[in-house]
Amino acid sequence: MSSSIPHTLLLAAPRGFCAGVDRAVLIVEKALEAYGAPVYVRHEIVHNTHVVNSLANRGAIFVEDETEAPEGAVIVFSAHGSPPEAFANAKARDQVLIDATCPLVTKVHHEARRYATAGKDIVLIGHEGHQEVLGTMGQAPRSISLVETIDDVDDLDDLDPANVAYLTQTTLSMDDTASVVDRLRQRFPLLHQPKKADICYATTNRQDAVKVLTERCDLVLVVGSETSSNSKRLVEVSRDRDTPAHLVDDVSEIDEAWLDGIGVVGLTSGASAPEVLVDEVIAWFIERGLATVDTVMVVDEDVEFAMPGNLTRKLAELA
């Protein structure tokens, strides 16, 4: 065995595709099956380079705006959610719209509209420019202020202290979000919050699994793309617990120098990373003499989301 290769690889469970991502990818695949190529997709269907390239090779055309797709075209809206004007534009252009928005993101959209209708000042915790944040802010643009850090909370002005509510991007770090929420409560003691936390179950579970890995590993590798918010959060969770961590899009990005002096490596993947990429990393270690591969089970996920009704009906017509 190479001196730079660890003796044990611990696999986080759960890892990889969540129900929302699995559904979104399947929607594009089934849309191609039902309508034929090309099928246009508004924004990357999920934030993973390999998934996007695979679907593009099958006839999906990715655009950043629905107006880039022809009138009458079939267009899928990404899992991250889109603002209301995008839906209106697609309707005006007579496009066949298939909505792949994750149901958990849709829940946040409903909450935003409900708070806005009730006249509340909404604070959205999230990353500026992220597609999910753009979609959520579009639900009530006049009512929402975006914050990312405690300092951003301190800079909030002109909010009614008795009438503030908060929402969060679904893919954030639970720990970082908690500190921002604590500061919001300090500034606005009557702060309203969602009945159920906005950070999605898959994000929570994958972060919990990394926390367990850090107790047993010398290094954590996270398979995921730089564009994936939830994947980058997994790296941060490990580093926050003083365990080195690296994000790799695939096995080709592993640097053997990271492994010097490392006995146990933890391996996980973001919610938009396909399992085949994890399998390739495992094979890479085994080829170099790795002795042991074990799974660290934290929670068993069994969540499934239904397909959009209009796509289901189209597929039934073709059956």
Protein backbone atom coordinates (compact mmCIF):
# COMPACT_ATOMS: atom_id res chain seq x y z
CA MET A 1 0.00 0.00 0.00
CA SER A 2 1.21 3.49 -0.83
CA SER A 3 2.25 5.38 2.29
CA SER A 4 0.00 8.25 1.19
CA ILE A 5 -3.15 6.14 0.94
CA PRO A 6 -5.33 5.79 4.07
CA HIS A 7 -6.25 2.39 5.46
CA THR A 8 -9.98 3.09 5.88
CA LEU A 9 -12.70 4.88 3.93
CA LEU A 10 -15.92 5.72 5.77
CA LEU A 11 -18.98 6.41 3.60
CA ALA A 12 -21.62 8.78 4.95
CA ALA A 13 -25.23 7.65 4.77
CA PRO A 14 -27.27 9.42 3.68
CA ARG A 15 -25.40 11.14 0.86
CA GLY A 16 -26.01 12.12 -2.75
CA PHE A 17 -29.32 12.67 -4.51
CA CYS A 18 -32.20 13.89 -2.37
CA ALA A 19 -35.83 13.31 -3.37
CA GLY A 20 -36.12 16.78 -4.92
CA VAL A 21 -33.04 16.32 -7.10
CA ASP A 22 -33.99 12.78 -8.05
CA ARG A 23 -37.43 14.06 -9.10
CA ALA A 24 -36.01 17.01 -11.06
CA VAL A 25 -33.56 14.88 -13.06
CA LEU A 26 -36.27 12.31 -13.74
CA ILE A 27 -38.60 15.10 -14.94
CA VAL A 28 -36.11 16.16 -17.62
CA GLU A 29 -35.51 12.55 -18.65
CA LYS A 30 -39.25 11.86 -18.89
CA ALA A 31 -39.89 15.15 -20.71
CA LEU A 32 -37.35 14.11 -23.35
CA GLU A 33 -39.10 10.75 -23.57
CA ALA A 34 -42.56 12.29 -23.85
CA TYR A 35 -41.87 15.24 -26.15
CA GLY A 36 -38.56 14.39 -27.81
CA ALA A 37 -35.54 16.66 -28.08
CA PRO A 38 -35.02 19.47 -27.63
CA VAL A 39 -36.40 20.13 -24.18
CA TYR A 40 -35.34 23.47 -22.76
CA VAL A 41 -34.41 23.81 -19.09
CA ARG A 42 -34.49 27.14 -17.26
CA HIS A 43 -31.21 27.29 -15.33
CA GLU A 44 -29.21 24.15 -14.49
CA ILE A 45 -31.79 21.57 -13.44
CA VAL A 46 -29.58 20.84 -10.42
CA HIS A 47 -26.18 22.26 -9.54
CA ASN A 48 -23.96 19.44 -10.76
CA THR A 49 -21.73 19.60 -13.81
CA HIS A 50 -21.96 15.89 -14.62
CA VAL A 51 -25.75 15.75 -14.40
CA VAL A 52 -26.15 18.81 -16.62
CA ASN A 53 -23.70 17.51 -19.22
CA SER A 54 -25.38 14.10 -19.29
CA LEU A 55 -28.82 15.62 -19.90
CA ALA A 56 -27.41 18.01 -22.51
CA ASN A 57 -26.02 15.02 -24.41
CA ARG A 58 -29.54 13.56 -24.48
CA GLY A 59 -31.11 16.69 -25.94
CA ALA A 60 -31.72 19.09 -23.06
CA ILE A 61 -30.85 22.73 -23.80
CA PHE A 62 -30.04 24.82 -20.75
CA VAL A 63 -30.95 28.50 -20.78
CA GLU A 64 -30.77 31.11 -18.04
CA ASP A 65 -34.07 32.74 -18.96
CA GLU A 66 -37.32 31.38 -20.39
CA THR A 67 -37.25 34.08 -23.07
CA GLU A 68 -34.19 32.32 -24.55
CA ALA A 69 -36.41 29.34 -25.43
CA PRO A 70 -38.60 29.54 -28.57
CA GLU A 71 -42.30 30.24 -28.38
CA GLY A 72 -44.23 27.00 -28.00
CA ALA A 73 -41.17 25.09 -26.76
CA VAL A 74 -41.22 22.54 -23.96
CA ILE A 75 -39.44 24.08 -20.97
CA VAL A 76 -38.63 22.65 -17.55
CA PHE A 77 -38.13 25.03 -14.63
CA SER A 78 -35.25 23.95 -12.36
CA ALA A 79 -35.46 22.44 -8.89
CA HIS A 80 -34.30 25.70 -7.29
CA GLY A 81 -37.53 27.57 -8.01
CA SER A 82 -38.28 30.55 -10.23
CA PRO A 83 -39.91 33.96 -9.70
CA PRO A 84 -43.57 34.47 -10.72
CA GLU A 85 -42.67 36.56 -13.77
CA ALA A 86 -40.87 33.55 -15.26
CA PHE A 87 -44.09 31.55 -15.13
CA ALA A 88 -46.00 34.47 -16.67
CA ASN A 89 -43.43 34.78 -19.46
CA ALA A 90 -43.65 31.08 -20.28
CA LYS A 91 -47.43 31.29 -20.45
CA ALA A 92 -47.29 34.40 -22.66
CA ARG A 93 -44.90 32.58 -24.99
CA ASP A 94 -47.25 29.58 -25.16
CA GLN A 95 -44.51 27.33 -23.86
CA VAL A 96 -45.26 23.88 -22.44
CA LEU A 97 -44.11 24.47 -18.87
CA ILE A 98 -43.11 21.58 -16.63
CA ASP A 99 -42.31 22.75 -13.11
CA ALA A 100 -39.50 20.78 -11.41
CA THR A 101 -39.28 23.10 -8.40
CA CYS A 102 -38.50 21.07 -5.28
CA PRO A 103 -41.67 20.86 -3.15
CA LEU A 104 -39.67 22.04 -0.13
CA VAL A 105 -38.69 25.20 -2.02
CA THR A 106 -42.32 25.65 -3.05
CA LYS A 107 -43.19 25.57 0.67
CA VAL A 108 -40.87 28.53 1.26
CA HIS A 109 -42.52 30.38 -1.64
CA HIS A 110 -45.93 29.84 -0.06
CA GLU A 111 -44.62 31.14 3.26
CA ALA A 112 -43.19 34.26 1.58
CA ARG A 113 -46.50 35.08 -0.07
CA ARG A 114 -48.42 34.37 3.13
CA TYR A 115 -46.20 36.65 5.21
CA ALA A 116 -46.34 39.38 2.57
CA THR A 117 -50.14 39.19 2.39
CA ALA A 118 -50.22 39.57 6.18
CA GLY A 119 -48.14 42.75 5.84
CA LYS A 120 -45.02 41.43 7.50
CA ASP A 121 -41.44 42.53 6.83
CA ILE A 122 -39.65 39.36 5.68
CA VAL A 123 -35.97 38.63 6.28
CA LEU A 124 -34.62 35.93 3.99
CA ILE A 125 -31.41 34.21 5.11
CA GLY A 126 -29.54 33.12 2.01
CA HIS A 127 -26.77 33.68 -0.52
CA GLU A 128 -27.15 36.65 -2.85
CA GLY A 129 -27.46 35.59 -6.47
CA HIS A 130 -28.27 31.94 -5.76
CA GLN A 131 -31.06 30.72 -8.00
CA GLU A 132 -33.22 29.61 -5.08
CA VAL A 133 -32.88 33.02 -3.42
CA LEU A 134 -33.86 34.78 -6.65
CA GLY A 135 -36.96 32.62 -6.91
CA THR A 136 -37.98 33.20 -3.29
CA MET A 137 -37.39 36.96 -3.37
CA GLY A 138 -39.48 37.12 -6.51
CA GLN A 139 -42.51 35.94 -4.56
CA ALA A 140 -42.70 39.20 -2.61
CA PRO A 141 -39.92 41.55 -3.74
CA ARG A 142 -41.25 44.61 -1.90
CA SER A 143 -41.43 42.76 1.42
CA ILE A 144 -38.15 40.79 1.55
CA SER A 145 -34.72 41.84 2.82
CA LEU A 146 -31.84 39.42 2.18
CA VAL A 147 -29.21 38.72 4.84
CA GLU A 148 -26.32 36.28 4.92
CA THR A 149 -24.37 37.13 8.08
CA ILE A 150 -24.86 38.53 11.56
CA ASP A 151 -23.44 41.83 10.33
CA ASP A 152 -26.15 41.95 7.65
CA VAL A 153 -28.76 41.61 10.40
CA ASP A 154 -27.22 44.54 12.25
CA ASP A 155 -27.54 46.62 9.09
CA LEU A 156 -31.28 46.04 8.69
CA ASP A 157 -33.19 49.31 8.79
CA ASP A 158 -36.79 50.46 8.49
CA LEU A 159 -38.37 47.19 9.66
CA ASP A 160 -41.31 47.15 12.05
CA PRO A 161 -39.90 45.42 15.18
CA ALA A 162 -43.29 43.92 16.00
CA ASN A 163 -43.92 42.63 12.51
CA VAL A 164 -40.80 40.80 11.25
CA ALA A 165 -40.72 37.22 9.97
CA TYR A 166 -37.82 35.18 8.62
CA LEU A 167 -37.34 32.49 6.00
CA THR A 168 -34.21 30.61 4.93
CA GLN A 169 -32.70 29.19 1.78
CA THR A 170 -33.17 25.43 2.04
CA THR A 171 -29.52 24.44 1.47
CA LEU A 172 -27.73 26.45 4.16
CA SER A 173 -25.58 25.27 7.05
CA MET A 174 -27.80 24.72 10.07
CA ASP A 175 -25.13 26.04 12.43
CA ASP A 176 -24.50 29.24 10.49
CA THR A 177 -28.22 29.86 10.09
CA ALA A 178 -28.80 29.37 13.81
CA SER A 179 -26.38 32.17 14.67
CA VAL A 180 -28.10 34.54 12.23
CA VAL A 181 -31.53 33.62 13.61
CA ASP A 182 -30.25 34.23 17.15
CA ARG A 183 -29.18 37.74 16.16
CA LEU A 184 -32.54 38.34 14.47
CA ARG A 185 -34.29 37.36 17.71
CA GLN A 186 -32.07 39.73 19.66
CA ARG A 187 -33.00 42.60 17.36
CA PHE A 188 -36.64 41.58 16.90
CA PRO A 189 -37.89 39.75 20.02
CA LEU A 190 -41.35 39.25 18.45
CA LEU A 191 -39.83 37.55 15.39
CA HIS A 192 -42.20 35.25 13.50
CA GLN A 193 -40.82 31.99 12.15
CA PRO A 194 -42.09 29.19 9.88
CA LYS A 195 -44.04 26.42 11.60
CA LYS A 196 -41.42 24.00 10.26
CA ALA A 197 -37.78 24.80 9.56
CA ASP A 198 -37.05 25.76 5.95
CA ILE A 199 -33.67 23.99 5.72
CA CYS A 200 -34.62 20.78 3.96
CA TYR A 201 -34.47 17.33 5.51
CA ALA A 202 -31.78 16.19 3.05
CA THR A 203 -29.53 19.15 3.80
CA THR A 204 -29.96 18.54 7.53
CA ASN A 205 -29.34 14.79 7.25
CA ARG A 206 -26.22 15.19 5.13
CA GLN A 207 -24.77 17.77 7.50
CA ASP A 208 -25.53 15.51 10.48
CA ALA A 209 -23.76 12.64 8.72
CA VAL A 210 -20.66 14.79 8.15
CA LYS A 211 -20.64 15.73 11.83
CA VAL A 212 -20.52 12.03 12.70
CA LEU A 213 -17.76 11.43 10.14
CA THR A 214 -15.59 14.16 11.65
CA GLU A 215 -15.54 12.27 14.96
CA ARG A 216 -13.92 9.27 13.23
CA CYS A 217 -11.98 10.70 10.28
CA ASP A 218 -8.77 12.60 9.63
CA LEU A 219 -10.06 14.08 6.36
CA VAL A 220 -13.44 14.44 4.62
CA LEU A 221 -13.96 14.46 0.86
CA VAL A 222 -17.21 15.88 -0.50
CA VAL A 223 -18.22 15.01 -4.06
CA GLY A 224 -20.10 17.93 -5.58
CA SER A 225 -19.80 20.92 -7.87
CA GLU A 226 -18.64 24.41 -6.93
CA THR A 227 -22.07 25.70 -7.95
CA SER A 228 -23.76 23.48 -5.35
CA SER A 229 -24.56 25.40 -2.19
CA ASN A 230 -25.38 22.31 -0.13
CA SER A 231 -22.13 20.60 -1.19
CA LYS A 232 -20.02 23.58 -0.13
CA ARG A 233 -21.85 23.67 3.19
CA LEU A 234 -20.76 20.07 3.86
CA VAL A 235 -17.14 21.12 3.49
CA GLU A 236 -17.72 24.00 5.90
CA VAL A 237 -19.40 21.72 8.46
CA SER A 238 -16.33 19.48 8.51
CA ARG A 239 -13.85 22.34 8.70
CA ASP A 240 -15.86 23.99 11.48
CA ARG A 241 -15.16 20.82 13.48
CA ASP A 242 -11.42 21.06 12.79
CA THR A 243 -11.43 18.20 10.29
CA PRO A 244 -9.84 19.12 6.94
CA ALA A 245 -12.22 18.78 3.99
CA HIS A 246 -12.13 19.24 0.22
CA LEU A 247 -14.81 19.58 -2.45
CA VAL A 248 -14.18 17.56 -5.63
CA ASP A 249 -16.35 17.52 -8.73
CA ASP A 250 -15.12 14.01 -9.48
CA VAL A 251 -12.25 11.61 -8.83
CA SER A 252 -9.89 13.51 -11.16
CA GLU A 253 -9.73 16.41 -8.67
CA ILE A 254 -8.33 14.38 -5.77
CA ASP A 255 -4.84 15.55 -4.82
CA GLU A 256 -2.80 12.72 -3.28
CA ALA A 257 -0.89 15.31 -1.26
CA TRP A 258 -4.06 15.74 0.82
CA LEU A 259 -3.66 12.13 1.98
CA ASP A 260 -0.17 12.33 3.50
CA GLY A 261 -0.38 11.13 7.08
CA ILE A 262 -4.12 10.42 6.79
CA GLY A 263 -5.38 7.10 8.21
CA VAL A 264 -9.15 7.42 7.84
CA VAL A 265 -10.97 9.35 5.11
CA GLY A 266 -14.67 10.18 5.23
CA LEU A 267 -16.53 10.36 1.92
CA THR A 268 -19.87 11.99 1.22
CA SER A 269 -21.61 13.80 -1.62
CA GLY A 270 -23.93 16.74 -2.03
CA ALA A 271 -27.63 16.35 -2.72
CA SER A 272 -27.13 16.96 -6.44
CA ALA A 273 -24.18 14.58 -6.98
CA PRO A 274 -24.90 11.21 -8.66
CA GLU A 275 -23.76 8.09 -6.85
CA VAL A 276 -21.64 6.93 -9.79
CA LEU A 277 -19.18 9.72 -8.94
CA VAL A 278 -18.86 8.38 -5.39
CA ASP A 279 -18.34 4.86 -6.74
CA GLU A 280 -15.45 6.14 -8.88
CA VAL A 281 -13.79 7.69 -5.82
CA ILE A 282 -14.15 4.43 -3.89
CA ALA A 283 -12.61 2.52 -6.81
CA TRP A 284 -9.74 5.03 -6.96
CA PHE A 285 -8.85 4.34 -3.32
CA ILE A 286 -9.18 0.56 -3.67
CA GLU A 287 -6.93 0.53 -6.75
CA ARG A 288 -4.25 2.21 -4.64
CA GLY A 289 -4.43 -0.36 -1.86
CA LEU A 290 -7.16 0.85 0.50
CA ALA A 291 -7.96 -1.98 2.93
CA THR A 292 -11.36 -1.15 4.42
CA VAL A 293 -14.58 0.53 3.24
CA ASP A 294 -17.35 0.97 5.82
CA THR A 295 -20.65 2.84 5.86
CA VAL A 296 -21.64 5.18 8.68
CA MET A 297 -25.44 5.15 8.76
CA VAL A 298 -26.95 8.22 10.42
CA VAL A 299 -30.52 8.13 9.14
CA ASP A 300 -32.43 6.16 6.51
CA GLU A 301 -34.26 8.40 4.03
CA ASP A 302 -37.48 7.24 2.37
CA VAL A 303 -38.92 10.50 1.01
CA GLU A 304 -40.51 10.57 -2.46
CA PHE A 305 -42.18 13.44 -4.33
CA ALA A 306 -44.85 13.10 -7.00
CA MET A 307 -44.21 14.04 -10.62
CA PRO A 308 -45.90 17.15 -12.11
CA GLY A 309 -49.46 16.40 -13.19
CA ASN A 310 -49.12 17.64 -16.76
CA LEU A 311 -46.08 15.44 -17.42
CA THR A 312 -47.75 12.44 -15.81
CA ARG A 313 -50.79 12.91 -18.07
CA LYS A 314 -48.62 13.27 -21.19
CA LEU A 315 -46.76 10.06 -20.39
CA ALA A 316 -50.08 8.27 -19.78
CA GLU A 317 -51.29 9.35 -23.22
CA LEU A 318 -48.23 7.76 -24.79
CA ALA A 319 -48.47 4.52 -22.82
